[in-house]
Every structure is written in structure tokens, then in C-alpha cells.
Amino acid sequence: MDLIIFIVGFLIFVIYLVTFMTVIYRQNKIQDQELENDPEIPKKKSN
């Protein structure tokens, strides 16, 4: 019984971590896109 509780808790924890990392990754991509399109930040000129 203890092993079943441990496995269920571990699975919930792993699912939580994967979901948390996915949210962080997606929001980071969105923030990068917003920074690229921000008109107030001057764009670097490549010569």
C-alpha cells in the first residue's frame, strides 16, 4: 500500500514538473517575440 501511494504521488509530481517547465518554456518564447517586436527598443544595425 505504501508503494502505491509513493508511485501515485511521484507521478503527480512528475506531471506537475513537466507542466510547469512547459509553461515556462512557452512564456519565454512569447516574451522573446514581444521583445523583438517592441517599437521602443532600437534595433541593432548589422553592417
PDB file of N, CA and C in Angstrom:
ATOM      1  N   MET A   1       0.826  -1.197   0.000  1.00  0.00           N
ATOM      2  CA  MET A   1       0.000   0.000   0.000  1.00  0.00           C
ATOM      3  C   MET A   1       0.869   1.259   0.000  1.00  0.00           C
ATOM      4  N   ASP A   2       1.944   1.243   0.783  1.00  0.00           N
ATOM      5  CA  ASP A   2       2.831   2.406   0.823  1.00  0.00           C
ATOM      6  C   ASP A   2       3.478   2.654  -0.532  1.00  0.00           C
ATOM      7  N   LEU A   3       3.812   1.570  -1.226  1.00  0.00           N
ATOM      8  CA  LEU A   3       4.436   1.702  -2.541  1.00  0.00           C
ATOM      9  C   LEU A   3       3.469   2.329  -3.542  1.00  0.00           C
ATOM     10  N   ILE A   4       2.211   1.956  -3.477  1.00  0.00           N
ATOM     11  CA  ILE A   4       1.204   2.521  -4.386  1.00  0.00           C
ATOM     12  C   ILE A   4       1.054   4.021  -4.129  1.00  0.00           C
ATOM     13  N   ILE A   5       0.996   4.417  -2.875  1.00  0.00           N
ATOM     14  CA  ILE A   5       0.870   5.838  -2.540  1.00  0.00           C
ATOM     15  C   ILE A   5       2.093   6.605  -3.024  1.00  0.00           C
ATOM     16  N   PHE A   6       3.276   6.015  -2.837  1.00  0.00           N
ATOM     17  CA  PHE A   6       4.503   6.656  -3.300  1.00  0.00           C
ATOM     18  C   PHE A   6       4.493   6.822  -4.817  1.00  0.00           C
ATOM     19  N   ILE A   7       4.101   5.792  -5.544  1.00  0.00           N
ATOM     20  CA  ILE A   7       4.089   5.847  -7.017  1.00  0.00           C
ATOM     21  C   ILE A   7       3.087   6.883  -7.491  1.00  0.00           C
ATOM     22  N   VAL A   8       1.906   6.921  -6.913  1.00  0.00           N
ATOM     23  CA  VAL A   8       0.889   7.897  -7.316  1.00  0.00           C
ATOM     24  C   VAL A   8       1.381   9.318  -7.022  1.00  0.00           C
ATOM     25  N   GLY A   9       1.958   9.535  -5.867  1.00  0.00           N
ATOM     26  CA  GLY A   9       2.486  10.855  -5.530  1.00  0.00           C
ATOM     27  C   GLY A   9       3.618  11.256  -6.459  1.00  0.00           C
ATOM     28  N   PHE A  10       4.489  10.314  -6.768  1.00  0.00           N
ATOM     29  CA  PHE A  10       5.603  10.597  -7.671  1.00  0.00           C
ATOM     30  C   PHE A  10       5.097  10.944  -9.064  1.00  0.00           C
ATOM     31  N   LEU A  11       4.097  10.221  -9.553  1.00  0.00           N
ATOM     32  CA  LEU A  11       3.530  10.518 -10.878  1.00  0.00           C
ATOM     33  C   LEU A  11       2.902  11.910 -10.903  1.00  0.00           C
ATOM     34  N   ILE A  12       2.181  12.265  -9.861  1.00  0.00           N
ATOM     35  CA  ILE A  12       1.591  13.605  -9.787  1.00  0.00           C
ATOM     36  C   ILE A  12       2.686  14.662  -9.791  1.00  0.00           C
ATOM     37  N   PHE A  13       3.763  14.426  -9.055  1.00  0.00           N
ATOM     38  CA  PHE A  13       4.884  15.361  -9.006  1.00  0.00           C
ATOM     39  C   PHE A  13       5.546  15.508 -10.370  1.00  0.00           C
ATOM     40  N   VAL A  14       5.772  14.397 -11.064  1.00  0.00           N
ATOM     41  CA  VAL A  14       6.411  14.443 -12.384  1.00  0.00           C
ATOM     42  C   VAL A  14       5.524  15.179 -13.383  1.00  0.00           C
ATOM     43  N   ILE A  15       4.231  14.905 -13.366  1.00  0.00           N
ATOM     44  CA  ILE A  15       3.302  15.603 -14.261  1.00  0.00           C
ATOM     45  C   ILE A  15       3.306  17.097 -13.964  1.00  0.00           C
ATOM     46  N   TYR A  16       3.338  17.464 -12.675  1.00  0.00           N
ATOM     47  CA  TYR A  16       3.401  18.873 -12.285  1.00  0.00           C
ATOM     48  C   TYR A  16       4.668  19.529 -12.818  1.00  0.00           C
ATOM     49  N   LEU A  17       5.814  18.869 -12.645  1.00  0.00           N
ATOM     50  CA  LEU A  17       7.078  19.442 -13.111  1.00  0.00           C
ATOM     51  C   LEU A  17       7.097  19.620 -14.625  1.00  0.00           C
ATOM     52  N   VAL A  18       6.637  18.627 -15.360  1.00  0.00           N
ATOM     53  CA  VAL A  18       6.614  18.721 -16.821  1.00  0.00           C
ATOM     54  C   VAL A  18       5.708  19.861 -17.260  1.00  0.00           C
ATOM     55  N   THR A  19       4.551  19.975 -16.646  1.00  0.00           N
ATOM     56  CA  THR A  19       3.628  21.055 -16.986  1.00  0.00           C
ATOM     57  C   THR A  19       4.230  22.415 -16.651  1.00  0.00           C
ATOM     58  N   PHE A  20       4.874  22.525 -15.499  1.00  0.00           N
ATOM     59  CA  PHE A  20       5.496  23.776 -15.072  1.00  0.00           C
ATOM     60  C   PHE A  20       6.601  24.197 -16.040  1.00  0.00           C
ATOM     61  N   MET A  21       7.443  23.256 -16.444  1.00  0.00           N
ATOM     62  CA  MET A  21       8.526  23.570 -17.377  1.00  0.00           C
ATOM     63  C   MET A  21       7.976  23.942 -18.753  1.00  0.00           C
ATOM     64  N   THR A  22       6.898  23.298 -19.171  1.00  0.00           N
ATOM     65  CA  THR A  22       6.275  23.628 -20.452  1.00  0.00           C
ATOM     66  C   THR A  22       5.741  25.049 -20.446  1.00  0.00           C
ATOM     67  N   VAL A  23       5.099  25.450 -19.363  1.00  0.00           N
ATOM     68  CA  VAL A  23       4.569  26.814 -19.243  1.00  0.00           C
ATOM     69  C   VAL A  23       5.711  27.822 -19.276  1.00  0.00           C
ATOM     70  N   ILE A  24       6.784  27.553 -18.544  1.00  0.00           N
ATOM     71  CA  ILE A  24       7.933  28.463 -18.539  1.00  0.00           C
ATOM     72  C   ILE A  24       8.522  28.582 -19.944  1.00  0.00           C
ATOM     73  N   TYR A  25       8.694  27.474 -20.632  1.00  0.00           N
ATOM     74  CA  TYR A  25       9.266  27.484 -21.988  1.00  0.00           C
ATOM     75  C   TYR A  25       8.389  28.296 -22.953  1.00  0.00           C
ATOM     76  N   ARG A  26       7.090  28.058 -22.911  1.00  0.00           N
ATOM     77  CA  ARG A  26       6.184  28.774 -23.825  1.00  0.00           C
ATOM     78  C   ARG A  26       6.154  30.273 -23.529  1.00  0.00           C
ATOM     79  N   GLN A  27       6.110  30.634 -22.267  1.00  0.00           N
ATOM     80  CA  GLN A  27       6.078  32.056 -21.917  1.00  0.00           C
ATOM     81  C   GLN A  27       7.390  32.741 -22.289  1.00  0.00           C
ATOM     82  N   ASN A  28       8.491  32.027 -22.186  1.00  0.00           N
ATOM     83  CA  ASN A  28       9.780  32.579 -22.581  1.00  0.00           C
ATOM     84  C   ASN A  28       9.805  32.862 -24.077  1.00  0.00           C
ATOM     85  N   LYS A  29       9.241  31.955 -24.867  1.00  0.00           N
ATOM     86  CA  LYS A  29       9.170  32.171 -26.316  1.00  0.00           C
ATOM     87  C   LYS A  29       8.293  33.378 -26.645  1.00  0.00           C
ATOM     88  N   ILE A  30       7.174  33.516 -25.949  1.00  0.00           N
ATOM     89  CA  ILE A  30       6.280  34.653 -26.170  1.00  0.00           C
ATOM     90  C   ILE A  30       6.992  35.949 -25.803  1.00  0.00           C
ATOM     91  N   GLN A  31       7.723  35.951 -24.693  1.00  0.00           N
ATOM     92  CA  GLN A  31       8.438  37.151 -24.276  1.00  0.00           C
ATOM     93  C   GLN A  31       9.525  37.515 -25.281  1.00  0.00           C
ATOM     94  N   ASP A  32      10.216  36.532 -25.816  1.00  0.00           N
ATOM     95  CA  ASP A  32      11.234  36.800 -26.840  1.00  0.00           C
ATOM     96  C   ASP A  32      10.615  37.443 -28.077  1.00  0.00           C
ATOM     97  N   GLN A  33       9.453  36.943 -28.495  1.00  0.00           N
ATOM     98  CA  GLN A  33       8.770  37.512 -29.665  1.00  0.00           C
ATOM     99  C   GLN A  33       8.331  38.940 -29.381  1.00  0.00           C
ATOM    100  N   GLU A  34       7.835  39.200 -28.192  1.00  0.00           N
ATOM    101  CA  GLU A  34       7.399  40.561 -27.854  1.00  0.00           C
ATOM    102  C   GLU A  34       8.582  41.519 -27.808  1.00  0.00           C
ATOM    103  N   LEU A  35       9.719  41.067 -27.309  1.00  0.00           N
ATOM    104  CA  LEU A  35      10.902  41.917 -27.277  1.00  0.00           C
ATOM    105  C   LEU A  35      11.398  42.237 -28.689  1.00  0.00           C
ATOM    106  N   GLU A  36      11.310  41.268 -29.593  1.00  0.00           N
ATOM    107  CA  GLU A  36      11.727  41.511 -30.983  1.00  0.00           C
ATOM    108  C   GLU A  36      10.826  42.530 -31.664  1.00  0.00           C
ATOM    109  N   ASN A  37       9.554  42.541 -31.311  1.00  0.00           N
ATOM    110  CA  ASN A  37       8.586  43.410 -31.974  1.00  0.00           C
ATOM    111  C   ASN A  37       8.325  44.707 -31.207  1.00  0.00           C
ATOM    112  N   ASP A  38       9.070  44.963 -30.147  1.00  0.00           N
ATOM    113  CA  ASP A  38       8.850  46.154 -29.345  1.00  0.00           C
ATOM    114  C   ASP A  38       9.386  47.388 -30.075  1.00  0.00           C
ATOM    115  N   PRO A  39       8.514  48.353 -30.396  1.00  0.00           N
ATOM    116  CA  PRO A  39       8.970  49.516 -31.149  1.00  0.00           C
ATOM    117  C   PRO A  39       9.840  50.479 -30.326  1.00  0.00           C
ATOM    118  N   GLU A  40       9.793  50.382 -29.001  1.00  0.00           N
ATOM    119  CA  GLU A  40      10.570  51.294 -28.169  1.00  0.00           C
ATOM    120  C   GLU A  40      12.033  50.888 -28.029  1.00  0.00           C
ATOM    121  N   ILE A  41      12.331  49.652 -28.349  1.00  0.00           N
ATOM    122  CA  ILE A  41      13.716  49.173 -28.251  1.00  0.00           C
ATOM    123  C   ILE A  41      14.364  49.334 -29.629  1.00  0.00           C
ATOM    124  N   PRO A  42      15.444  50.112 -29.708  1.00  0.00           N
ATOM    125  CA  PRO A  42      16.087  50.293 -31.013  1.00  0.00           C
ATOM    126  C   PRO A  42      16.700  48.972 -31.492  1.00  0.00           C
ATOM    127  N   LYS A  43      16.544  48.749 -32.787  1.00  0.00           N
ATOM    128  CA  LYS A  43      17.098  47.528 -33.378  1.00  0.00           C
ATOM    129  C   LYS A  43      18.561  47.740 -33.701  1.00  0.00           C
ATOM    130  N   LYS A  44      19.338  46.682 -33.510  1.00  0.00           N
ATOM    131  CA  LYS A  44      20.764  46.759 -33.825  1.00  0.00           C
ATOM    132  C   LYS A  44      20.952  46.689 -35.337  1.00  0.00           C
ATOM    133  N   LYS A  45      21.779  47.590 -35.847  1.00  0.00           N
ATOM    134  CA  LYS A  45      22.075  47.582 -37.274  1.00  0.00           C
ATOM    135  C   LYS A  45      23.274  46.701 -37.519  1.00  0.00           C
ATOM    136  N   SER A  46      23.134  45.800 -38.471  1.00  0.00           N
ATOM    137  CA  SER A  46      24.286  44.959 -38.808  1.00  0.00           C
ATOM    138  C   SER A  46      24.945  45.511 -40.060  1.00  0.00           C
ATOM    139  N   ASN A  47      26.222  45.875 -39.940  1.00  0.00           N
ATOM    140  CA  ASN A  47      26.962  46.451 -41.069  1.00  0.00           C
ATOM    141  C   ASN A  47      27.896  45.434 -41.656  1.00  0.00           C
TER     142      ASN A  47
END
